[in-house]
PDB file of N, CA and C in Angstrom:
ATOM      1  N   MET A   1     132.625 -26.077  21.909  1.00  0.00           N
ATOM      2  CA  MET A   1     131.251 -26.489  21.588  1.00  0.00           C
ATOM      3  C   MET A   1     130.331 -25.574  22.349  1.00  0.00           C
ATOM      4  N   ALA A   2     129.452 -24.883  21.606  1.00  0.00           N
ATOM      5  CA  ALA A   2     128.534 -23.984  22.260  1.00  0.00           C
ATOM      6  C   ALA A   2     127.191 -24.663  22.526  1.00  0.00           C
ATOM      7  N   ALA A   3     126.570 -24.278  23.580  1.00  0.00           N
ATOM      8  CA  ALA A   3     125.223 -24.781  23.873  1.00  0.00           C
ATOM      9  C   ALA A   3     124.166 -24.207  23.039  1.00  0.00           C
ATOM     10  N   ALA A   4     124.350 -22.965  22.622  1.00  0.00           N
ATOM     11  CA  ALA A   4     123.394 -22.265  21.760  1.00  0.00           C
ATOM     12  C   ALA A   4     124.193 -21.258  20.902  1.00  0.00           C
ATOM     13  N   THR A   5     123.668 -21.090  19.749  1.00  0.00           N
ATOM     14  CA  THR A   5     124.205 -20.067  18.826  1.00  0.00           C
ATOM     15  C   THR A   5     123.134 -19.048  18.401  1.00  0.00           C
ATOM     16  N   THR A   6     123.469 -17.792  18.160  1.00  0.00           N
ATOM     17  CA  THR A   6     122.550 -16.800  17.803  1.00  0.00           C
ATOM     18  C   THR A   6     122.894 -16.331  16.371  1.00  0.00           C
ATOM     19  N   VAL A   7     121.849 -16.355  15.549  1.00  0.00           N
ATOM     20  CA  VAL A   7     122.128 -15.825  14.220  1.00  0.00           C
ATOM     21  C   VAL A   7     120.955 -14.805  14.045  1.00  0.00           C
ATOM     22  N   GLY A   8     121.395 -13.539  13.878  1.00  0.00           N
ATOM     23  CA  GLY A   8     120.341 -12.509  13.861  1.00  0.00           C
ATOM     24  C   GLY A   8     119.569 -12.457  15.200  1.00  0.00           C
ATOM     25  N   SER A   9     118.227 -12.564  15.109  1.00  0.00           N
ATOM     26  CA  SER A   9     117.443 -12.597  16.289  1.00  0.00           C
ATOM     27  C   SER A   9     117.011 -14.024  16.667  1.00  0.00           C
ATOM     28  N   GLU A  10     117.538 -15.026  15.942  1.00  0.00           N
ATOM     29  CA  GLU A  10     117.185 -16.396  16.194  1.00  0.00           C
ATOM     30  C   GLU A  10     118.238 -17.184  16.988  1.00  0.00           C
ATOM     31  N   THR A  11     117.794 -17.920  18.046  1.00  0.00           N
ATOM     32  CA  THR A  11     118.789 -18.687  18.788  1.00  0.00           C
ATOM     33  C   THR A  11     118.504 -20.197  18.509  1.00  0.00           C
ATOM     34  N   ARG A  12     119.636 -20.831  18.215  1.00  0.00           N
ATOM     35  CA  ARG A  12     119.548 -22.282  17.930  1.00  0.00           C
ATOM     36  C   ARG A  12     120.252 -23.060  19.018  1.00  0.00           C
ATOM     37  N   VAL A  13     119.566 -24.049  19.624  1.00  0.00           N
ATOM     38  CA  VAL A  13     120.210 -24.840  20.664  1.00  0.00           C
ATOM     39  C   VAL A  13     121.011 -25.973  19.997  1.00  0.00           C
ATOM     40  N   SER A  14     122.127 -26.235  20.525  1.00  0.00           N
ATOM     41  CA  SER A  14     122.981 -27.293  19.954  1.00  0.00           C
ATOM     42  C   SER A  14     122.363 -28.558  19.934  1.00  0.00           C
ATOM     43  N   ASP A  15     122.802 -29.511  19.052  1.00  0.00           N
ATOM     44  CA  ASP A  15     122.306 -30.928  18.908  1.00  0.00           C
ATOM     45  C   ASP A  15     122.537 -31.631  20.267  1.00  0.00           C
ATOM     46  N   GLU A  16     123.706 -31.368  20.900  1.00  0.00           N
ATOM     47  CA  GLU A  16     124.024 -31.996  22.165  1.00  0.00           C
ATOM     48  C   GLU A  16     122.988 -31.710  23.222  1.00  0.00           C
ATOM     49  N   ILE A  17     122.590 -30.434  23.354  1.00  0.00           N
ATOM     50  CA  ILE A  17     121.560 -29.951  24.274  1.00  0.00           C
ATOM     51  C   ILE A  17     120.250 -30.545  23.965  1.00  0.00           C
ATOM     52  N   MET A  18     119.887 -30.609  22.699  1.00  0.00           N
ATOM     53  CA  MET A  18     118.606 -31.242  22.278  1.00  0.00           C
ATOM     54  C   MET A  18     118.519 -32.708  22.721  1.00  0.00           C
ATOM     55  N   ARG A  19     119.654 -33.431  22.520  1.00  0.00           N
ATOM     56  CA  ARG A  19     119.699 -34.829  22.892  1.00  0.00           C
ATOM     57  C   ARG A  19     119.595 -34.934  24.462  1.00  0.00           C
ATOM     58  N   LEU A  20     120.225 -34.091  25.162  1.00  0.00           N
ATOM     59  CA  LEU A  20     120.141 -34.122  26.618  1.00  0.00           C
ATOM     60  C   LEU A  20     118.670 -33.871  27.078  1.00  0.00           C
ATOM     61  N   ARG A  21     118.039 -32.888  26.453  1.00  0.00           N
ATOM     62  CA  ARG A  21     116.648 -32.577  26.785  1.00  0.00           C
ATOM     63  C   ARG A  21     115.706 -33.780  26.567  1.00  0.00           C
ATOM     64  N   GLU A  22     115.968 -34.470  25.424  1.00  0.00           N
ATOM     65  CA  GLU A  22     115.162 -35.662  25.109  1.00  0.00           C
ATOM     66  C   GLU A  22     115.414 -36.733  26.217  1.00  0.00           C
ATOM     67  N   GLU A  23     116.608 -36.910  26.574  1.00  0.00           N
ATOM     68  CA  GLU A  23     116.852 -37.914  27.607  1.00  0.00           C
ATOM     69  C   GLU A  23     116.236 -37.580  28.986  1.00  0.00           C
ATOM     70  N   VAL A  24     116.251 -36.247  29.313  1.00  0.00           N
ATOM     71  CA  VAL A  24     115.626 -35.806  30.570  1.00  0.00           C
ATOM     72  C   VAL A  24     114.103 -36.093  30.456  1.00  0.00           C
ATOM     73  N   ARG A  25     113.500 -35.786  29.368  1.00  0.00           N
ATOM     74  CA  ARG A  25     112.043 -36.073  29.177  1.00  0.00           C
ATOM     75  C   ARG A  25     111.785 -37.579  29.288  1.00  0.00           C
ATOM     76  N   TRP A  26     112.573 -38.333  28.680  1.00  0.00           N
ATOM     77  CA  TRP A  26     112.457 -39.847  28.771  1.00  0.00           C
ATOM     78  C   TRP A  26     112.552 -40.341  30.200  1.00  0.00           C
ATOM     79  N   LEU A  27     113.548 -39.829  30.892  1.00  0.00           N
ATOM     80  CA  LEU A  27     113.763 -40.245  32.294  1.00  0.00           C
ATOM     81  C   LEU A  27     112.606 -39.868  33.149  1.00  0.00           C
ATOM     82  N   GLY A  28     112.025 -38.655  32.912  1.00  0.00           N
ATOM     83  CA  GLY A  28     110.819 -38.200  33.669  1.00  0.00           C
ATOM     84  C   GLY A  28     109.635 -39.105  33.401  1.00  0.00           C
ATOM     85  N   GLU A  29     109.394 -39.423  32.120  1.00  0.00           N
ATOM     86  CA  GLU A  29     108.290 -40.243  31.786  1.00  0.00           C
ATOM     87  C   GLU A  29     108.527 -41.671  32.347  1.00  0.00           C
ATOM     88  N   THR A  30     109.681 -42.124  32.330  1.00  0.00           N
ATOM     89  CA  THR A  30     109.973 -43.539  32.875  1.00  0.00           C
ATOM     90  C   THR A  30     109.719 -43.533  34.364  1.00  0.00           C
ATOM     91  N   GLU A  31     110.227 -42.469  35.017  1.00  0.00           N
ATOM     92  CA  GLU A  31     110.006 -42.453  36.497  1.00  0.00           C
ATOM     93  C   GLU A  31     108.524 -42.441  36.835  1.00  0.00           C
ATOM     94  N   ARG A  32     107.742 -41.631  36.068  1.00  0.00           N
ATOM     95  CA  ARG A  32     106.286 -41.560  36.402  1.00  0.00           C
ATOM     96  C   ARG A  32     105.647 -42.959  36.176  1.00  0.00           C
ATOM     97  N   THR A  33     106.048 -43.617  35.070  1.00  0.00           N
ATOM     98  CA  THR A  33     105.510 -44.939  34.799  1.00  0.00           C
ATOM     99  C   THR A  33     105.843 -45.917  35.853  1.00  0.00           C
ATOM    100  N   PHE A  34     107.105 -45.913  36.225  1.00  0.00           N
ATOM    101  CA  PHE A  34     107.597 -46.852  37.308  1.00  0.00           C
ATOM    102  C   PHE A  34     106.925 -46.514  38.598  1.00  0.00           C
ATOM    103  N   ARG A  35     106.808 -45.275  38.971  1.00  0.00           N
ATOM    104  CA  ARG A  35     106.112 -44.969  40.198  1.00  0.00           C
ATOM    105  C   ARG A  35     104.686 -45.434  40.249  1.00  0.00           C
ATOM    106  N   GLU A  36     103.931 -45.287  39.189  1.00  0.00           N
ATOM    107  CA  GLU A  36     102.578 -45.768  39.098  1.00  0.00           C
ATOM    108  C   GLU A  36     102.528 -47.277  39.266  1.00  0.00           C
ATOM    109  N   LEU A  37     103.511 -47.973  38.653  1.00  0.00           N
ATOM    110  CA  LEU A  37     103.622 -49.353  38.797  1.00  0.00           C
ATOM    111  C   LEU A  37     103.857 -49.908  40.207  1.00  0.00           C
ATOM    112  N   PHE A  38     104.866 -49.324  40.834  1.00  0.00           N
ATOM    113  CA  PHE A  38     105.233 -49.712  42.129  1.00  0.00           C
ATOM    114  C   PHE A  38     104.106 -49.362  43.150  1.00  0.00           C
ATOM    115  N   GLU A  39     103.443 -48.237  42.966  1.00  0.00           N
ATOM    116  CA  GLU A  39     102.350 -47.902  43.879  1.00  0.00           C
ATOM    117  C   GLU A  39     101.133 -48.782  43.683  1.00  0.00           C
ATOM    118  N   SER A  40     100.795 -49.131  42.488  1.00  0.00           N
ATOM    119  CA  SER A  40      99.649 -50.048  42.235  1.00  0.00           C
ATOM    120  C   SER A  40      99.901 -51.530  42.763  1.00  0.00           C
ATOM    121  N   ARG A  41     101.202 -51.861  42.775  1.00  0.00           N
ATOM    122  CA  ARG A  41     101.534 -53.259  43.206  1.00  0.00           C
ATOM    123  C   ARG A  41     101.974 -53.327  44.619  1.00  0.00           C
ATOM    124  N   LYS A  42     102.015 -52.133  45.299  1.00  0.00           N
ATOM    125  CA  LYS A  42     102.416 -52.002  46.640  1.00  0.00           C
ATOM    126  C   LYS A  42     103.867 -52.509  46.843  1.00  0.00           C
ATOM    127  N   TRP A  43     104.719 -52.251  45.915  1.00  0.00           N
ATOM    128  CA  TRP A  43     106.186 -52.584  46.017  1.00  0.00           C
ATOM    129  C   TRP A  43     106.817 -51.472  46.906  1.00  0.00           C
ATOM    130  N   CYS A  44     107.901 -51.908  47.580  1.00  0.00           N
ATOM    131  CA  CYS A  44     108.733 -50.997  48.288  1.00  0.00           C
ATOM    132  C   CYS A  44     110.030 -50.805  47.406  1.00  0.00           C
ATOM    133  N   VAL A  45     110.317 -49.613  47.114  1.00  0.00           N
ATOM    134  CA  VAL A  45     111.487 -49.261  46.242  1.00  0.00           C
ATOM    135  C   VAL A  45     112.609 -48.865  47.084  1.00  0.00           C
ATOM    136  N   ARG A  46     113.774 -49.435  46.930  1.00  0.00           N
ATOM    137  CA  ARG A  46     114.961 -49.049  47.695  1.00  0.00           C
ATOM    138  C   ARG A  46     115.855 -48.183  46.808  1.00  0.00           C
ATOM    139  N   TRP A  47     116.127 -47.041  47.186  1.00  0.00           N
ATOM    140  CA  TRP A  47     116.890 -46.065  46.433  1.00  0.00           C
ATOM    141  C   TRP A  47     118.297 -45.974  47.067  1.00  0.00           C
ATOM    142  N   PHE A  48     119.328 -45.906  46.340  1.00  0.00           N
ATOM    143  CA  PHE A  48     120.682 -45.647  46.787  1.00  0.00           C
ATOM    144  C   PHE A  48     121.075 -44.287  46.297  1.00  0.00           C
ATOM    145  N   LEU A  49     121.151 -43.306  47.214  1.00  0.00           N
ATOM    146  CA  LEU A  49     121.382 -41.936  46.811  1.00  0.00           C
ATOM    147  C   LEU A  49     122.646 -41.385  47.426  1.00  0.00           C
ATOM    148  N   GLU A  50     123.254 -40.444  46.824  1.00  0.00           N
ATOM    149  CA  GLU A  50     124.414 -39.733  47.376  1.00  0.00           C
ATOM    150  C   GLU A  50     123.926 -38.715  48.335  1.00  0.00           C
ATOM    151  N   CYS A  51     124.702 -38.434  49.403  1.00  0.00           N
ATOM    152  CA  CYS A  51     124.313 -37.450  50.421  1.00  0.00           C
ATOM    153  C   CYS A  51     125.566 -36.964  51.132  1.00  0.00           C
ATOM    154  N   SER A  52     126.410 -36.255  50.415  1.00  0.00           N
ATOM    155  CA  SER A  52     127.663 -35.787  50.969  1.00  0.00           C
ATOM    156  C   SER A  52     127.622 -34.277  51.136  1.00  0.00           C
ATOM    157  N   GLY A  53     128.425 -33.739  52.011  1.00  0.00           N
ATOM    158  CA  GLY A  53     128.488 -32.314  52.215  1.00  0.00           C
ATOM    159  C   GLY A  53     127.147 -31.676  52.660  1.00  0.00           C
ATOM    160  N   GLY A  54     126.755 -30.638  51.959  1.00  0.00           N
ATOM    161  CA  GLY A  54     125.487 -29.890  52.357  1.00  0.00           C
ATOM    162  C   GLY A  54     124.245 -30.605  51.867  1.00  0.00           C
ATOM    163  N   MET A  55     124.366 -31.675  51.172  1.00  0.00           N
ATOM    164  CA  MET A  55     123.180 -32.385  50.763  1.00  0.00           C
ATOM    165  C   MET A  55     122.402 -33.128  51.861  1.00  0.00           C
ATOM    166  N   LYS A  56     122.993 -33.248  53.013  1.00  0.00           N
ATOM    167  CA  LYS A  56     122.383 -34.005  54.063  1.00  0.00           C
ATOM    168  C   LYS A  56     121.032 -33.417  54.505  1.00  0.00           C
ATOM    169  N   ASP A  57     120.889 -32.085  54.250  1.00  0.00           N
ATOM    170  CA  ASP A  57     119.574 -31.481  54.525  1.00  0.00           C
ATOM    171  C   ASP A  57     118.489 -31.863  53.604  1.00  0.00           C
ATOM    172  N   MET A  58     118.873 -32.487  52.493  1.00  0.00           N
ATOM    173  CA  MET A  58     117.843 -32.789  51.482  1.00  0.00           C
ATOM    174  C   MET A  58     117.382 -34.239  51.519  1.00  0.00           C
ATOM    175  N   ARG A  59     117.676 -34.960  52.656  1.00  0.00           N
ATOM    176  CA  ARG A  59     117.230 -36.320  52.786  1.00  0.00           C
ATOM    177  C   ARG A  59     115.745 -36.521  52.714  1.00  0.00           C
ATOM    178  N   ARG A  60     115.310 -37.581  52.106  1.00  0.00           N
ATOM    179  CA  ARG A  60     113.890 -37.933  51.995  1.00  0.00           C
ATOM    180  C   ARG A  60     113.431 -38.551  53.349  1.00  0.00           C
ATOM    181  N   GLU A  61     112.124 -38.292  53.593  1.00  0.00           N
ATOM    182  CA  GLU A  61     111.564 -39.041  54.696  1.00  0.00           C
ATOM    183  C   GLU A  61     111.288 -40.460  54.380  1.00  0.00           C
ATOM    184  N   LYS A  62     111.359 -41.374  55.265  1.00  0.00           N
ATOM    185  CA  LYS A  62     111.146 -42.780  54.970  1.00  0.00           C
ATOM    186  C   LYS A  62     109.651 -42.891  54.871  1.00  0.00           C
ATOM    187  N   SER A  63     109.210 -43.803  53.962  1.00  0.00           N
ATOM    188  CA  SER A  63     107.823 -44.038  53.790  1.00  0.00           C
ATOM    189  C   SER A  63     107.568 -45.587  53.631  1.00  0.00           C
ATOM    190  N   GLU A  64     106.348 -46.061  53.495  1.00  0.00           N
ATOM    191  CA  GLU A  64     106.072 -47.479  53.331  1.00  0.00           C
ATOM    192  C   GLU A  64     106.491 -47.894  51.998  1.00  0.00           C
ATOM    193  N   SER A  65     106.445 -47.048  50.977  1.00  0.00           N
ATOM    194  CA  SER A  65     106.697 -47.480  49.648  1.00  0.00           C
ATOM    195  C   SER A  65     108.137 -47.186  49.185  1.00  0.00           C
ATOM    196  N   GLU A  66     108.893 -46.409  50.033  1.00  0.00           N
ATOM    197  CA  GLU A  66     110.307 -46.093  49.654  1.00  0.00           C
ATOM    198  C   GLU A  66     111.217 -46.355  50.895  1.00  0.00           C
ATOM    199  N   ASP A  67     112.365 -46.888  50.557  1.00  0.00           N
ATOM    200  CA  ASP A  67     113.463 -46.945  51.514  1.00  0.00           C
ATOM    201  C   ASP A  67     114.726 -46.364  50.880  1.00  0.00           C
ATOM    202  N   VAL A  68     115.343 -45.419  51.520  1.00  0.00           N
ATOM    203  CA  VAL A  68     116.557 -44.807  50.905  1.00  0.00           C
ATOM    204  C   VAL A  68     117.769 -45.125  51.711  1.00  0.00           C
ATOM    205  N   VAL A  69     118.733 -45.623  51.057  1.00  0.00           N
ATOM    206  CA  VAL A  69     120.096 -45.888  51.606  1.00  0.00           C
ATOM    207  C   VAL A  69     121.008 -44.799  51.165  1.00  0.00           C
ATOM    208  N   TYR A  70     121.518 -43.921  52.046  1.00  0.00           N
ATOM    209  CA  TYR A  70     122.379 -42.858  51.717  1.00  0.00           C
ATOM    210  C   TYR A  70     123.828 -43.168  51.762  1.00  0.00           C
ATOM    211  N   SER A  71     124.495 -42.606  50.806  1.00  0.00           N
ATOM    212  CA  SER A  71     126.006 -42.789  50.771  1.00  0.00           C
ATOM    213  C   SER A  71     126.599 -41.472  51.153  1.00  0.00           C
ATOM    214  N   ASN A  72     127.726 -41.477  51.803  1.00  0.00           N
ATOM    215  CA  ASN A  72     128.441 -40.291  52.124  1.00  0.00           C
ATOM    216  C   ASN A  72     129.382 -39.888  51.062  1.00  0.00           C
ATOM    217  N   LYS A  73     129.028 -40.166  49.877  1.00  0.00           N
ATOM    218  CA  LYS A  73     129.944 -39.943  48.628  1.00  0.00           C
ATOM    219  C   LYS A  73     129.120 -39.203  47.563  1.00  0.00           C
ATOM    220  N   MET A  74     129.887 -38.616  46.662  1.00  0.00           N
ATOM    221  CA  MET A  74     129.207 -37.993  45.514  1.00  0.00           C
ATOM    222  C   MET A  74     128.778 -39.112  44.521  1.00  0.00           C
ATOM    223  N   HIS A  75     127.911 -38.747  43.527  1.00  0.00           N
ATOM    224  CA  HIS A  75     127.284 -39.769  42.692  1.00  0.00           C
ATOM    225  C   HIS A  75     128.323 -40.640  41.988  1.00  0.00           C
ATOM    226  N   GLY A  76     129.268 -40.129  41.372  1.00  0.00           N
ATOM    227  CA  GLY A  76     130.277 -40.980  40.703  1.00  0.00           C
ATOM    228  C   GLY A  76     131.118 -41.813  41.555  1.00  0.00           C
ATOM    229  N   GLU A  77     131.136 -41.552  42.936  1.00  0.00           N
ATOM    230  CA  GLU A  77     131.962 -42.379  43.824  1.00  0.00           C
ATOM    231  C   GLU A  77     131.137 -43.431  44.591  1.00  0.00           C
ATOM    232  N   MET A  78     129.796 -43.411  44.363  1.00  0.00           N
ATOM    233  CA  MET A  78     128.861 -44.237  45.160  1.00  0.00           C
ATOM    234  C   MET A  78     129.147 -45.752  45.096  1.00  0.00           C
ATOM    235  N   VAL A  79     129.740 -46.138  44.031  1.00  0.00           N
ATOM    236  CA  VAL A  79     129.987 -47.649  43.815  1.00  0.00           C
ATOM    237  C   VAL A  79     131.328 -48.087  44.062  1.00  0.00           C
ATOM    238  N   LYS A  80     132.130 -47.123  44.654  1.00  0.00           N
ATOM    239  CA  LYS A  80     133.465 -47.402  44.924  1.00  0.00           C
ATOM    240  C   LYS A  80     133.659 -47.493  46.442  1.00  0.00           C
ATOM    241  N   PHE A  81     134.209 -48.601  46.936  1.00  0.00           N
ATOM    242  CA  PHE A  81     134.420 -48.780  48.378  1.00  0.00           C
ATOM    243  C   PHE A  81     135.817 -49.083  48.700  1.00  0.00           C
ATOM    244  N   LYS A  82     136.266 -48.632  49.873  1.00  0.00           N
ATOM    245  CA  LYS A  82     137.691 -48.884  50.325  1.00  0.00           C
ATOM    246  C   LYS A  82     137.927 -50.307  50.656  1.00  0.00           C
ATOM    247  N   GLY A  83     136.902 -51.026  51.058  1.00  0.00           N
ATOM    248  CA  GLY A  83     136.981 -52.444  51.420  1.00  0.00           C
ATOM    249  C   GLY A  83     135.773 -52.883  52.229  1.00  0.00           C
ATOM    250  N   SER A  84     135.823 -54.065  52.791  1.00  0.00           N
ATOM    251  CA  SER A  84     134.650 -54.586  53.493  1.00  0.00           C
ATOM    252  C   SER A  84     134.338 -53.852  54.787  1.00  0.00           C
ATOM    253  N   GLU A  85     135.192 -53.011  55.285  1.00  0.00           N
ATOM    254  CA  GLU A  85     134.928 -52.280  56.510  1.00  0.00           C
ATOM    255  C   GLU A  85     134.403 -50.844  56.201  1.00  0.00           C
ATOM    256  N   ASP A  86     134.346 -50.458  54.879  1.00  0.00           N
ATOM    257  CA  ASP A  86     133.787 -49.190  54.512  1.00  0.00           C
ATOM    258  C   ASP A  86     132.359 -49.043  55.010  1.00  0.00           C
ATOM    259  N   GLY A  87     132.055 -47.944  55.772  1.00  0.00           N
ATOM    260  CA  GLY A  87     130.676 -47.723  56.248  1.00  0.00           C
ATOM    261  C   GLY A  87     129.608 -47.759  55.238  1.00  0.00           C
ATOM    262  N   ASP A  88     129.888 -47.136  54.086  1.00  0.00           N
ATOM    263  CA  ASP A  88     128.914 -47.073  52.989  1.00  0.00           C
ATOM    264  C   ASP A  88     128.695 -48.487  52.418  1.00  0.00           C
ATOM    265  N   TRP A  89     129.754 -49.235  52.328  1.00  0.00           N
ATOM    266  CA  TRP A  89     129.657 -50.657  51.822  1.00  0.00           C
ATOM    267  C   TRP A  89     128.730 -51.431  52.745  1.00  0.00           C
ATOM    268  N   LYS A  90     128.889 -51.258  54.083  1.00  0.00           N
ATOM    269  CA  LYS A  90     128.085 -52.006  55.025  1.00  0.00           C
ATOM    270  C   LYS A  90     126.613 -51.670  54.896  1.00  0.00           C
ATOM    271  N   ASN A  91     126.278 -50.431  54.653  1.00  0.00           N
ATOM    272  CA  ASN A  91     124.931 -49.984  54.499  1.00  0.00           C
ATOM    273  C   ASN A  91     124.325 -50.674  53.158  1.00  0.00           C
ATOM    274  N   VAL A  92     125.118 -50.643  52.084  1.00  0.00           N
ATOM    275  CA  VAL A  92     124.603 -51.256  50.840  1.00  0.00           C
ATOM    276  C   VAL A  92     124.492 -52.775  51.047  1.00  0.00           C
ATOM    277  N   LYS A  93     125.453 -53.382  51.601  1.00  0.00           N
ATOM    278  CA  LYS A  93     125.341 -54.857  51.831  1.00  0.00           C
ATOM    279  C   LYS A  93     124.120 -55.251  52.660  1.00  0.00           C
ATOM    280  N   LYS A  94     123.908 -54.492  53.723  1.00  0.00           N
ATOM    281  CA  LYS A  94     122.724 -54.696  54.583  1.00  0.00           C
ATOM    282  C   LYS A  94     121.452 -54.569  53.796  1.00  0.00           C
ATOM    283  N   ALA A  95     121.359 -53.523  52.959  1.00  0.00           N
ATOM    284  CA  ALA A  95     120.111 -53.336  52.162  1.00  0.00           C
ATOM    285  C   ALA A  95     119.968 -54.481  51.123  1.00  0.00           C
ATOM    286  N   LEU A  96     120.991 -54.914  50.486  1.00  0.00           N
ATOM    287  CA  LEU A  96     120.946 -55.919  49.483  1.00  0.00           C
ATOM    288  C   LEU A  96     120.616 -57.344  50.090  1.00  0.00           C
ATOM    289  N   CYS A  97     121.164 -57.549  51.250  1.00  0.00           N
ATOM    290  CA  CYS A  97     120.860 -58.856  51.907  1.00  0.00           C
ATOM    291  C   CYS A  97     119.403 -58.850  52.398  1.00  0.00           C
ATOM    292  N   ALA A  98     118.836 -57.674  52.883  1.00  0.00           N
ATOM    293  CA  ALA A  98     117.447 -57.649  53.226  1.00  0.00           C
ATOM    294  C   ALA A  98     116.563 -57.854  52.090  1.00  0.00           C
ATOM    295  N   ALA A  99     116.930 -57.282  50.904  1.00  0.00           N
ATOM    296  CA  ALA A  99     116.092 -57.510  49.744  1.00  0.00           C
ATOM    297  C   ALA A  99     116.137 -58.925  49.215  1.00  0.00           C
ATOM    298  N   ALA A 100     117.269 -59.580  49.340  1.00  0.00           N
ATOM    299  CA  ALA A 100     117.400 -60.991  48.944  1.00  0.00           C
ATOM    300  C   ALA A 100     116.589 -61.969  49.816  1.00  0.00           C
ATOM    301  N   GLU A 101     116.322 -61.551  51.101  1.00  0.00           N
ATOM    302  CA  GLU A 101     115.544 -62.371  51.982  1.00  0.00           C
ATOM    303  C   GLU A 101     114.051 -62.315  51.766  1.00  0.00           C
ATOM    304  N   VAL A 102     113.652 -61.292  51.075  1.00  0.00           N
ATOM    305  CA  VAL A 102     112.230 -61.083  50.830  1.00  0.00           C
ATOM    306  C   VAL A 102     111.641 -62.140  49.915  1.00  0.00           C
TER     307      VAL A 102
END
């Protein structure tokens, strides 16, 4: 499956890439709308983000409107825990319990 094909001097992007681009646009628009909503209502948003390997340098600063809980796993592994003593699970549980108390 090719991402793009060239016929003569014309390049055509594959249907798969076009669908992915549309999804990225939709995600960007949704994030902007959501951000405007939580800022206008003074909500605090809790993000659960991966932060393994060299990504630790990319951590966000904590702010009044955002709280970030970092996992030491890659994105696809973030919801998989070894058990109740897993350090990442403890961080997630703590954040969820705090949110439930509000």
